[in-house]
Amino acid sequence: MIASSCPTLVEIGRDAALFCDPHKPEEFAAAMIRIVGNAELRSDLRARGIERAGQFSWDRSAAGTLAAYEKLLVPFSATTGSRRARGKSPMARIYLDAWGMKGEPNGVGRYCRELIRC
């Protein structure tokens, strides 16, 4: 994989990618030439990429996001004194309000909605 050297992508890609300055297209071109011309590097990056991808899952991502919201929710609920809003759990209320979701969300939204059972 070839990716921008922005901190988020470096954190995700770690040693499974070649990183380039996003403002220097010549770095991306050089990385492409390097990968095309080096079968060992290609194979190594491919193996590292598959291993790295195995460390991510929607379940883990959704559970981490839910845990972060629940951590923030406790002080909020304590100050308002309200544990329910319009028949939904406070967690569901924050989730739906935060993204302005009306009706049925899709993709990650639907998955998170299942997790919080609203």
N, C-alpha and C. Protein backbone atom coordinates (compact mmCIF):
# COMPACT_ATOMS: atom_id res chain seq x y z
N MET A 1 0.84 -1.16 0.00
CA MET A 1 0.00 0.00 0.00
C MET A 1 0.89 1.23 0.00
N ILE A 2 0.44 2.23 -0.68
CA ILE A 2 1.08 3.54 -0.68
C ILE A 2 0.04 4.50 -0.12
N ALA A 3 0.44 5.31 0.86
CA ALA A 3 -0.52 6.20 1.49
C ALA A 3 0.12 7.53 1.84
N SER A 4 -0.73 8.50 2.08
CA SER A 4 -0.29 9.82 2.54
C SER A 4 0.35 9.66 3.92
N SER A 5 1.29 10.51 4.22
CA SER A 5 1.98 10.44 5.51
C SER A 5 1.24 11.20 6.60
N CYS A 6 -0.05 11.45 6.42
CA CYS A 6 -0.82 12.11 7.48
C CYS A 6 -0.89 11.15 8.68
N PRO A 7 -0.90 11.70 9.89
CA PRO A 7 -0.82 10.87 11.09
C PRO A 7 -1.83 9.73 11.18
N THR A 8 -3.06 9.97 10.76
CA THR A 8 -4.08 8.93 10.84
C THR A 8 -3.72 7.72 9.99
N LEU A 9 -3.27 7.95 8.77
CA LEU A 9 -2.93 6.83 7.89
C LEU A 9 -1.65 6.13 8.34
N VAL A 10 -0.72 6.88 8.89
CA VAL A 10 0.51 6.26 9.42
C VAL A 10 0.16 5.35 10.59
N GLU A 11 -0.76 5.80 11.44
CA GLU A 11 -1.19 4.99 12.58
C GLU A 11 -1.86 3.70 12.10
N ILE A 12 -2.66 3.80 11.09
CA ILE A 12 -3.38 2.62 10.58
C ILE A 12 -2.45 1.71 9.80
N GLY A 13 -1.65 2.27 8.91
CA GLY A 13 -0.81 1.46 8.02
C GLY A 13 0.42 0.88 8.68
N ARG A 14 0.95 1.58 9.64
CA ARG A 14 2.19 1.18 10.33
C ARG A 14 3.24 0.69 9.35
N ASP A 15 3.71 -0.55 9.52
CA ASP A 15 4.79 -1.04 8.65
C ASP A 15 4.28 -1.78 7.41
N ALA A 16 2.98 -1.61 7.13
CA ALA A 16 2.39 -2.30 5.98
C ALA A 16 2.22 -1.38 4.78
N ALA A 17 2.87 -0.23 4.82
CA ALA A 17 2.70 0.73 3.72
C ALA A 17 3.96 1.57 3.53
N LEU A 18 4.04 2.16 2.35
CA LEU A 18 5.04 3.19 2.09
C LEU A 18 4.29 4.52 2.20
N PHE A 19 4.85 5.46 2.93
CA PHE A 19 4.18 6.73 3.15
C PHE A 19 4.86 7.86 2.40
N CYS A 20 4.04 8.77 1.88
CA CYS A 20 4.54 9.88 1.07
C CYS A 20 3.90 11.18 1.52
N ASP A 21 4.65 12.25 1.35
CA ASP A 21 4.13 13.59 1.64
C ASP A 21 2.96 13.85 0.70
N PRO A 22 1.77 14.17 1.24
CA PRO A 22 0.60 14.38 0.38
C PRO A 22 0.74 15.55 -0.59
N HIS A 23 1.70 16.42 -0.35
CA HIS A 23 1.89 17.59 -1.21
C HIS A 23 3.00 17.38 -2.25
N LYS A 24 3.52 16.15 -2.30
CA LYS A 24 4.61 15.87 -3.24
C LYS A 24 4.27 14.65 -4.10
N PRO A 25 3.59 14.87 -5.21
CA PRO A 25 3.20 13.75 -6.07
C PRO A 25 4.40 12.94 -6.55
N GLU A 26 5.58 13.57 -6.64
CA GLU A 26 6.77 12.83 -7.07
C GLU A 26 7.13 11.73 -6.07
N GLU A 27 6.80 11.90 -4.79
CA GLU A 27 7.04 10.84 -3.81
C GLU A 27 6.14 9.64 -4.07
N PHE A 28 4.89 9.91 -4.44
CA PHE A 28 3.96 8.82 -4.76
C PHE A 28 4.44 8.07 -6.01
N ALA A 29 4.89 8.83 -6.99
CA ALA A 29 5.39 8.21 -8.22
C ALA A 29 6.61 7.35 -7.92
N ALA A 30 7.53 7.85 -7.10
CA ALA A 30 8.73 7.09 -6.75
C ALA A 30 8.35 5.81 -5.98
N ALA A 31 7.36 5.91 -5.09
CA ALA A 31 6.92 4.74 -4.33
C ALA A 31 6.31 3.69 -5.27
N MET A 32 5.53 4.14 -6.26
CA MET A 32 4.94 3.21 -7.23
C MET A 32 6.03 2.50 -8.02
N ILE A 33 7.01 3.26 -8.47
CA ILE A 33 8.11 2.67 -9.24
C ILE A 33 8.87 1.67 -8.37
N ARG A 34 9.08 2.04 -7.10
CA ARG A 34 9.79 1.16 -6.18
C ARG A 34 9.05 -0.17 -5.98
N ILE A 35 7.74 -0.10 -5.81
CA ILE A 35 6.95 -1.33 -5.60
C ILE A 35 6.90 -2.17 -6.87
N VAL A 36 6.69 -1.54 -8.00
CA VAL A 36 6.62 -2.28 -9.27
C VAL A 36 7.95 -2.97 -9.56
N GLY A 37 9.05 -2.33 -9.23
CA GLY A 37 10.36 -2.88 -9.54
C GLY A 37 10.96 -3.81 -8.50
N ASN A 38 10.25 -4.04 -7.39
CA ASN A 38 10.81 -4.84 -6.32
C ASN A 38 9.80 -5.88 -5.84
N ALA A 39 9.91 -7.09 -6.37
CA ALA A 39 8.96 -8.16 -6.05
C ALA A 39 8.99 -8.52 -4.57
N GLU A 40 10.17 -8.47 -3.96
CA GLU A 40 10.28 -8.81 -2.53
C GLU A 40 9.55 -7.78 -1.67
N LEU A 41 9.71 -6.50 -1.99
CA LEU A 41 9.00 -5.44 -1.27
C LEU A 41 7.50 -5.59 -1.45
N ARG A 42 7.06 -5.85 -2.69
CA ARG A 42 5.64 -6.06 -2.97
C ARG A 42 5.07 -7.17 -2.12
N SER A 43 5.77 -8.29 -2.10
CA SER A 43 5.32 -9.45 -1.33
C SER A 43 5.29 -9.15 0.16
N ASP A 44 6.31 -8.47 0.64
CA ASP A 44 6.39 -8.12 2.06
C ASP A 44 5.25 -7.18 2.46
N LEU A 45 5.01 -6.14 1.66
CA LEU A 45 3.93 -5.21 1.96
C LEU A 45 2.57 -5.90 1.89
N ARG A 46 2.41 -6.79 0.93
CA ARG A 46 1.14 -7.53 0.80
C ARG A 46 0.89 -8.36 2.07
N ALA A 47 1.89 -9.10 2.51
CA ALA A 47 1.75 -9.94 3.71
C ALA A 47 1.48 -9.10 4.95
N ARG A 48 2.23 -8.00 5.09
CA ARG A 48 2.03 -7.12 6.24
C ARG A 48 0.64 -6.47 6.20
N GLY A 49 0.19 -6.13 5.00
CA GLY A 49 -1.13 -5.52 4.85
C GLY A 49 -2.25 -6.46 5.25
N ILE A 50 -2.14 -7.71 4.84
CA ILE A 50 -3.16 -8.70 5.21
C ILE A 50 -3.15 -8.91 6.72
N GLU A 51 -1.97 -8.99 7.30
CA GLU A 51 -1.86 -9.17 8.76
C GLU A 51 -2.45 -7.95 9.48
N ARG A 52 -2.13 -6.76 9.00
CA ARG A 52 -2.62 -5.53 9.63
C ARG A 52 -4.13 -5.43 9.50
N ALA A 53 -4.68 -5.76 8.35
CA ALA A 53 -6.13 -5.69 8.14
C ALA A 53 -6.87 -6.62 9.10
N GLY A 54 -6.23 -7.74 9.45
CA GLY A 54 -6.84 -8.69 10.38
C GLY A 54 -6.98 -8.12 11.79
N GLN A 55 -6.31 -7.02 12.06
CA GLN A 55 -6.38 -6.41 13.39
C GLN A 55 -7.57 -5.46 13.53
N PHE A 56 -8.33 -5.29 12.45
CA PHE A 56 -9.47 -4.38 12.46
C PHE A 56 -10.75 -5.17 12.22
N SER A 57 -11.83 -4.74 12.86
CA SER A 57 -13.14 -5.34 12.59
C SER A 57 -14.22 -4.31 12.90
N TRP A 58 -15.36 -4.45 12.25
CA TRP A 58 -16.48 -3.55 12.52
C TRP A 58 -16.96 -3.73 13.95
N ASP A 59 -16.95 -4.97 14.45
CA ASP A 59 -17.40 -5.21 15.82
C ASP A 59 -16.55 -4.43 16.82
N ARG A 60 -15.24 -4.51 16.67
CA ARG A 60 -14.33 -3.82 17.58
C ARG A 60 -14.47 -2.30 17.45
N SER A 61 -14.60 -1.83 16.23
CA SER A 61 -14.74 -0.39 15.98
C SER A 61 -16.04 0.13 16.59
N ALA A 62 -17.14 -0.56 16.34
CA ALA A 62 -18.44 -0.14 16.87
C ALA A 62 -18.45 -0.21 18.39
N ALA A 63 -17.87 -1.26 18.96
CA ALA A 63 -17.84 -1.40 20.42
C ALA A 63 -17.00 -0.28 21.05
N GLY A 64 -15.89 0.07 20.43
CA GLY A 64 -15.06 1.16 20.93
C GLY A 64 -15.76 2.50 20.86
N THR A 65 -16.48 2.74 19.75
CA THR A 65 -17.23 3.97 19.60
C THR A 65 -18.34 4.05 20.63
N LEU A 66 -19.05 2.95 20.81
CA LEU A 66 -20.13 2.89 21.80
C LEU A 66 -19.58 3.14 23.20
N ALA A 67 -18.46 2.52 23.55
CA ALA A 67 -17.85 2.71 24.87
C ALA A 67 -17.47 4.17 25.10
N ALA A 68 -16.94 4.82 24.06
CA ALA A 68 -16.57 6.23 24.19
C ALA A 68 -17.80 7.09 24.43
N TYR A 69 -18.90 6.84 23.70
CA TYR A 69 -20.12 7.61 23.91
C TYR A 69 -20.71 7.36 25.29
N GLU A 70 -20.68 6.10 25.72
CA GLU A 70 -21.23 5.77 27.04
C GLU A 70 -20.42 6.45 28.14
N LYS A 71 -19.12 6.55 27.96
CA LYS A 71 -18.27 7.23 28.94
C LYS A 71 -18.66 8.71 29.04
N LEU A 72 -18.95 9.33 27.89
CA LEU A 72 -19.36 10.72 27.88
C LEU A 72 -20.80 10.91 28.37
N LEU A 73 -21.60 9.88 28.22
CA LEU A 73 -23.01 9.95 28.55
C LEU A 73 -23.24 10.06 30.05
N VAL A 74 -22.45 9.41 30.87
CA VAL A 74 -22.69 9.39 32.31
C VAL A 74 -22.73 10.80 32.90
N PRO A 75 -21.72 11.66 32.66
CA PRO A 75 -21.82 13.01 33.21
C PRO A 75 -23.01 13.79 32.64
N PHE A 76 -23.31 13.58 31.38
CA PHE A 76 -24.43 14.28 30.76
C PHE A 76 -25.73 13.91 31.44
N SER A 77 -25.97 12.62 31.66
CA SER A 77 -27.20 12.15 32.29
C SER A 77 -27.29 12.63 33.73
N ALA A 78 -26.16 12.65 34.42
CA ALA A 78 -26.15 13.07 35.81
C ALA A 78 -26.56 14.54 35.94
N THR A 79 -26.18 15.36 34.99
CA THR A 79 -26.50 16.79 35.09
C THR A 79 -27.93 17.08 34.65
N THR A 80 -28.48 16.29 33.73
CA THR A 80 -29.84 16.56 33.27
C THR A 80 -30.87 15.85 34.13
N GLY A 81 -30.44 14.79 34.80
CA GLY A 81 -31.37 14.02 35.62
C GLY A 81 -32.28 13.14 34.80
N SER A 82 -32.09 13.13 33.50
CA SER A 82 -32.96 12.34 32.62
C SER A 82 -32.22 11.14 32.08
N ARG A 83 -32.80 9.98 32.21
CA ARG A 83 -32.20 8.75 31.67
C ARG A 83 -32.87 8.33 30.37
N ARG A 84 -33.99 8.87 30.05
CA ARG A 84 -34.70 8.49 28.82
C ARG A 84 -35.15 9.75 28.08
N ALA A 85 -35.11 9.66 26.78
CA ALA A 85 -35.59 10.78 25.96
C ALA A 85 -36.46 10.22 24.85
N ARG A 86 -37.70 10.64 24.83
CA ARG A 86 -38.65 10.17 23.81
C ARG A 86 -38.67 8.65 23.68
N GLY A 87 -38.59 7.94 24.80
CA GLY A 87 -38.70 6.48 24.78
C GLY A 87 -37.47 5.76 24.29
N LYS A 88 -36.40 6.49 24.02
CA LYS A 88 -35.17 5.86 23.55
C LYS A 88 -34.12 5.96 24.65
N SER A 89 -33.18 5.06 24.63
CA SER A 89 -32.09 5.16 25.59
C SER A 89 -31.33 6.45 25.30
N PRO A 90 -30.69 7.06 26.33
CA PRO A 90 -29.92 8.29 26.08
C PRO A 90 -28.83 8.06 25.03
N MET A 91 -28.26 6.85 25.02
CA MET A 91 -27.21 6.55 24.04
C MET A 91 -27.77 6.67 22.62
N ALA A 92 -28.93 6.10 22.39
CA ALA A 92 -29.55 6.17 21.07
C ALA A 92 -29.88 7.62 20.73
N ARG A 93 -30.34 8.37 21.69
CA ARG A 93 -30.71 9.76 21.48
C ARG A 93 -29.50 10.58 21.03
N ILE A 94 -28.38 10.42 21.73
CA ILE A 94 -27.16 11.14 21.36
C ILE A 94 -26.72 10.72 19.97
N TYR A 95 -26.73 9.43 19.69
CA TYR A 95 -26.29 8.93 18.39
C TYR A 95 -27.14 9.53 17.27
N LEU A 96 -28.44 9.47 17.42
CA LEU A 96 -29.33 9.95 16.36
C LEU A 96 -29.24 11.47 16.20
N ASP A 97 -29.12 12.20 17.31
CA ASP A 97 -29.00 13.65 17.23
C ASP A 97 -27.67 14.08 16.63
N ALA A 98 -26.61 13.38 17.01
CA ALA A 98 -25.27 13.79 16.56
C ALA A 98 -25.14 13.77 15.05
N TRP A 99 -25.78 12.85 14.38
CA TRP A 99 -25.67 12.77 12.93
C TRP A 99 -26.94 13.23 12.22
N GLY A 100 -27.90 13.71 12.98
CA GLY A 100 -29.14 14.20 12.37
C GLY A 100 -29.86 13.12 11.59
N MET A 101 -29.79 11.89 12.05
CA MET A 101 -30.38 10.78 11.29
C MET A 101 -31.90 10.77 11.45
N LYS A 102 -32.56 10.82 10.36
CA LYS A 102 -34.02 10.70 10.34
C LYS A 102 -34.32 9.44 9.55
N GLY A 103 -35.21 8.64 10.07
CA GLY A 103 -35.53 7.40 9.37
C GLY A 103 -34.46 6.35 9.57
N GLU A 104 -34.22 5.57 8.58
CA GLU A 104 -33.32 4.42 8.68
C GLU A 104 -31.91 4.77 8.22
N PRO A 105 -30.91 4.65 9.13
CA PRO A 105 -29.53 4.88 8.71
C PRO A 105 -29.03 3.72 7.85
N ASN A 106 -27.89 3.90 7.21
CA ASN A 106 -27.34 2.80 6.43
C ASN A 106 -25.91 2.50 6.87
N GLY A 107 -25.35 1.40 6.41
CA GLY A 107 -23.97 1.04 6.67
C GLY A 107 -23.63 1.01 8.15
N VAL A 108 -22.61 1.77 8.53
CA VAL A 108 -22.15 1.80 9.91
C VAL A 108 -23.25 2.29 10.83
N GLY A 109 -24.05 3.25 10.35
CA GLY A 109 -25.16 3.75 11.16
C GLY A 109 -26.12 2.66 11.57
N ARG A 110 -26.49 1.78 10.63
CA ARG A 110 -27.40 0.68 10.93
C ARG A 110 -26.74 -0.30 11.90
N TYR A 111 -25.47 -0.54 11.70
CA TYR A 111 -24.73 -1.47 12.55
C TYR A 111 -24.68 -0.92 13.99
N CYS A 112 -24.35 0.36 14.14
CA CYS A 112 -24.31 0.96 15.47
C CYS A 112 -25.69 0.99 16.10
N ARG A 113 -26.69 1.23 15.27
CA ARG A 113 -28.06 1.25 15.78
C ARG A 113 -28.46 -0.11 16.35
N GLU A 114 -28.02 -1.18 15.69
CA GLU A 114 -28.28 -2.52 16.22
C GLU A 114 -27.60 -2.70 17.57
N LEU A 115 -26.38 -2.21 17.68
CA LEU A 115 -25.64 -2.37 18.93
C LEU A 115 -26.30 -1.65 20.10
N ILE A 116 -26.87 -0.49 19.83
CA ILE A 116 -27.48 0.26 20.93
C ILE A 116 -28.96 -0.05 21.09
N ARG A 117 -29.49 -0.91 20.23
CA ARG A 117 -30.84 -1.43 20.30
C ARG A 117 -31.91 -0.35 20.54
N CYS A 118 -31.94 0.63 19.65
CA CYS A 118 -32.95 1.68 19.82
C CYS A 118 -34.19 1.39 19.03
